[in-house]
Amino acid sequence: MAVIVASLSYLAFTGIQQSKSYYVTIRELKGMGDQAHAKRLRVAGQVVPGTIRRQGTGADFQIDEQGLKLDVVYRGTEPPPDTFKDNSQALVEGSYGSDGIFHAQQIQAKCASKYAPAANQSGSMTEAQPKPATSQNAN
């Protein structure tokens, strides 16, 4: 019985270690050195306009976070989501290669314009103002 429990515990532990991924910023990723190549990582950023090059179910593109850019090569089994477009927010999961390219196995994306508040005519963001109540007198 102890051998079975020990075997299952070992398998569970190694499975968790292999599937675990760390979220890092692009700045942190570039400062990790050789440690970045040995871990499964998640990195988020805004897709740089004009950099998406689709190849079958894969894509090559760049993401940007506060002026720092990261080249990403996605070779997943599923095509990128429909919300994956220029200027969208993307979260990529995979590994950072010694070639300086992030090799992603998964992409999550949301279209930034779809969730942004509406702008008024001057281009600035405003809160919705309540309409004044109208009264109808029967005089």
Protein backbone atom coordinates (compact mmCIF):
# COMPACT_ATOMS: atom_id res chain seq x y z
CA MET A 1 0.00 0.00 0.00
CA ALA A 2 2.86 2.38 0.89
CA VAL A 3 4.55 1.76 -2.49
CA ILE A 4 1.34 2.71 -4.35
CA VAL A 5 0.85 5.90 -2.30
CA ALA A 6 4.53 6.86 -2.77
CA SER A 7 4.30 6.23 -6.53
CA LEU A 8 1.13 8.31 -6.89
CA SER A 9 2.65 11.11 -4.81
CA TYR A 10 5.77 11.14 -6.98
CA LEU A 11 3.71 11.23 -10.19
CA ALA A 12 1.53 14.04 -8.85
CA PHE A 13 4.58 16.07 -7.76
CA THR A 14 6.40 15.71 -11.08
CA GLY A 15 3.21 16.49 -13.02
CA ILE A 16 2.71 19.70 -11.08
CA GLN A 17 6.35 20.72 -11.58
CA GLN A 18 6.09 20.21 -15.35
CA SER A 19 2.79 22.08 -15.79
CA LYS A 20 3.65 25.03 -13.53
CA SER A 21 4.29 28.35 -15.26
CA TYR A 22 5.54 31.68 -13.90
CA TYR A 23 4.10 35.07 -14.90
CA VAL A 24 6.83 37.61 -15.65
CA THR A 25 6.96 41.01 -17.32
CA ILE A 26 9.12 41.55 -20.39
CA ARG A 27 11.59 43.54 -18.26
CA GLU A 28 11.82 40.68 -15.74
CA LEU A 29 12.20 38.12 -18.53
CA LYS A 30 15.12 39.96 -20.10
CA GLY A 31 16.79 40.28 -16.69
CA MET A 32 16.48 36.60 -15.74
CA GLY A 33 19.51 35.47 -17.70
CA ASP A 34 19.90 31.71 -18.15
CA GLN A 35 17.11 31.00 -15.62
CA ALA A 36 14.59 32.16 -18.23
CA HIS A 37 15.49 29.27 -20.54
CA ALA A 38 14.73 26.54 -17.99
CA LYS A 39 11.22 27.57 -16.92
CA ARG A 40 7.75 27.57 -18.41
CA LEU A 41 6.69 31.23 -18.47
CA ARG A 42 3.72 33.52 -19.13
CA VAL A 43 4.29 36.99 -20.53
CA ALA A 44 1.70 39.66 -21.35
CA GLY A 45 1.86 42.67 -23.63
CA GLN A 46 0.16 44.59 -26.38
CA VAL A 47 0.50 43.18 -29.91
CA VAL A 48 2.65 45.58 -31.94
CA PRO A 49 0.69 46.73 -35.03
CA GLY A 50 1.93 45.31 -38.33
CA THR A 51 4.03 42.52 -36.80
CA ILE A 52 1.58 39.61 -37.06
CA ARG A 53 2.62 37.06 -39.71
CA ARG A 54 0.29 34.05 -39.73
CA GLN A 55 1.61 30.65 -40.81
CA GLY A 56 -1.09 27.98 -40.83
CA THR A 57 -2.19 27.55 -37.22
CA GLY A 58 0.88 29.47 -36.02
CA ALA A 59 1.93 33.10 -35.97
CA ASP A 60 5.04 35.23 -35.54
CA PHE A 61 4.56 38.63 -33.88
CA GLN A 62 5.87 41.08 -31.29
CA ILE A 63 4.38 42.19 -28.00
CA ASP A 64 5.21 45.45 -26.27
CA GLU A 65 5.16 46.35 -22.59
CA GLN A 66 6.13 49.90 -21.66
CA GLY A 67 8.40 50.28 -24.67
CA LEU A 68 10.10 46.87 -24.33
CA LYS A 69 9.41 44.54 -27.24
CA LEU A 70 9.51 40.76 -27.30
CA ASP A 71 9.57 38.59 -30.43
CA VAL A 72 7.11 35.70 -30.16
CA VAL A 73 6.79 32.56 -32.29
CA TYR A 74 3.52 30.68 -31.70
CA ARG A 75 3.30 27.08 -32.89
CA GLY A 76 0.24 25.73 -31.14
CA THR A 77 -2.23 23.08 -32.23
CA GLU A 78 -5.06 25.64 -32.40
CA PRO A 79 -5.02 28.82 -34.50
CA PRO A 80 -4.77 32.10 -32.57
CA PRO A 81 -8.13 33.34 -31.19
CA ASP A 82 -10.32 35.71 -33.21
CA THR A 83 -9.53 38.53 -30.78
CA PHE A 84 -5.80 38.25 -31.61
CA LYS A 85 -5.23 41.41 -33.69
CA ASP A 86 -3.01 44.49 -33.82
CA ASN A 87 -3.09 46.44 -30.52
CA SER A 88 -4.86 43.62 -28.64
CA GLN A 89 -3.67 42.51 -25.23
CA ALA A 90 -2.03 39.09 -25.46
CA LEU A 91 -0.90 36.61 -22.83
CA VAL A 92 1.54 34.04 -24.20
CA GLU A 93 2.65 30.88 -22.43
CA GLY A 94 5.73 28.90 -23.35
CA SER A 95 9.49 29.14 -23.06
CA TYR A 96 12.14 31.76 -23.73
CA GLY A 97 14.76 30.44 -26.13
CA SER A 98 18.46 31.18 -26.05
CA ASP A 99 17.87 32.78 -29.46
CA GLY A 100 16.03 35.67 -27.71
CA ILE A 101 12.63 34.57 -29.05
CA PHE A 102 9.70 33.53 -26.90
CA HIS A 103 8.33 30.18 -28.13
CA ALA A 104 4.63 30.11 -27.23
CA GLN A 105 2.41 27.06 -27.07
CA GLN A 106 -0.69 29.04 -26.01
CA ILE A 107 -2.10 32.50 -26.70
CA GLN A 108 -4.90 34.29 -24.89
CA ALA A 109 -6.01 37.60 -26.36
CA LYS A 110 -8.61 40.26 -25.87
CA CYS A 111 -9.40 43.10 -28.22
CA ALA A 112 -8.53 46.33 -26.42
CA SER A 113 -10.96 48.47 -28.43
CA LYS A 114 -13.87 46.18 -27.61
CA TYR A 115 -13.58 46.92 -23.88
CA ALA A 116 -12.48 50.56 -23.94
CA PRO A 117 -14.87 53.32 -22.81
CA ALA A 118 -16.38 55.46 -25.55
CA ALA A 119 -14.74 58.81 -26.34
CA ASN A 120 -16.70 62.04 -26.76
CA GLN A 121 -16.21 64.29 -29.79
CA SER A 122 -13.12 66.01 -28.38
CA GLY A 123 -11.45 62.62 -27.97
CA SER A 124 -11.37 62.62 -24.18
CA MET A 125 -13.04 60.03 -22.02
CA THR A 126 -16.11 61.12 -20.10
CA GLU A 127 -18.51 59.53 -17.70
CA ALA A 128 -22.12 59.17 -18.73
CA GLN A 129 -24.13 62.11 -17.40
CA PRO A 130 -27.67 61.45 -16.20
CA LYS A 131 -30.40 63.17 -18.20
CA PRO A 132 -32.42 65.74 -16.28
CA ALA A 133 -35.87 64.55 -15.33
CA THR A 134 -38.68 66.11 -17.28
CA SER A 135 -41.94 66.85 -15.62
CA GLN A 136 -45.24 66.90 -17.33
CA ASN A 137 -47.80 69.17 -15.73
CA ALA A 138 -51.37 68.65 -16.62
CA ASN A 139 -52.19 72.40 -16.15
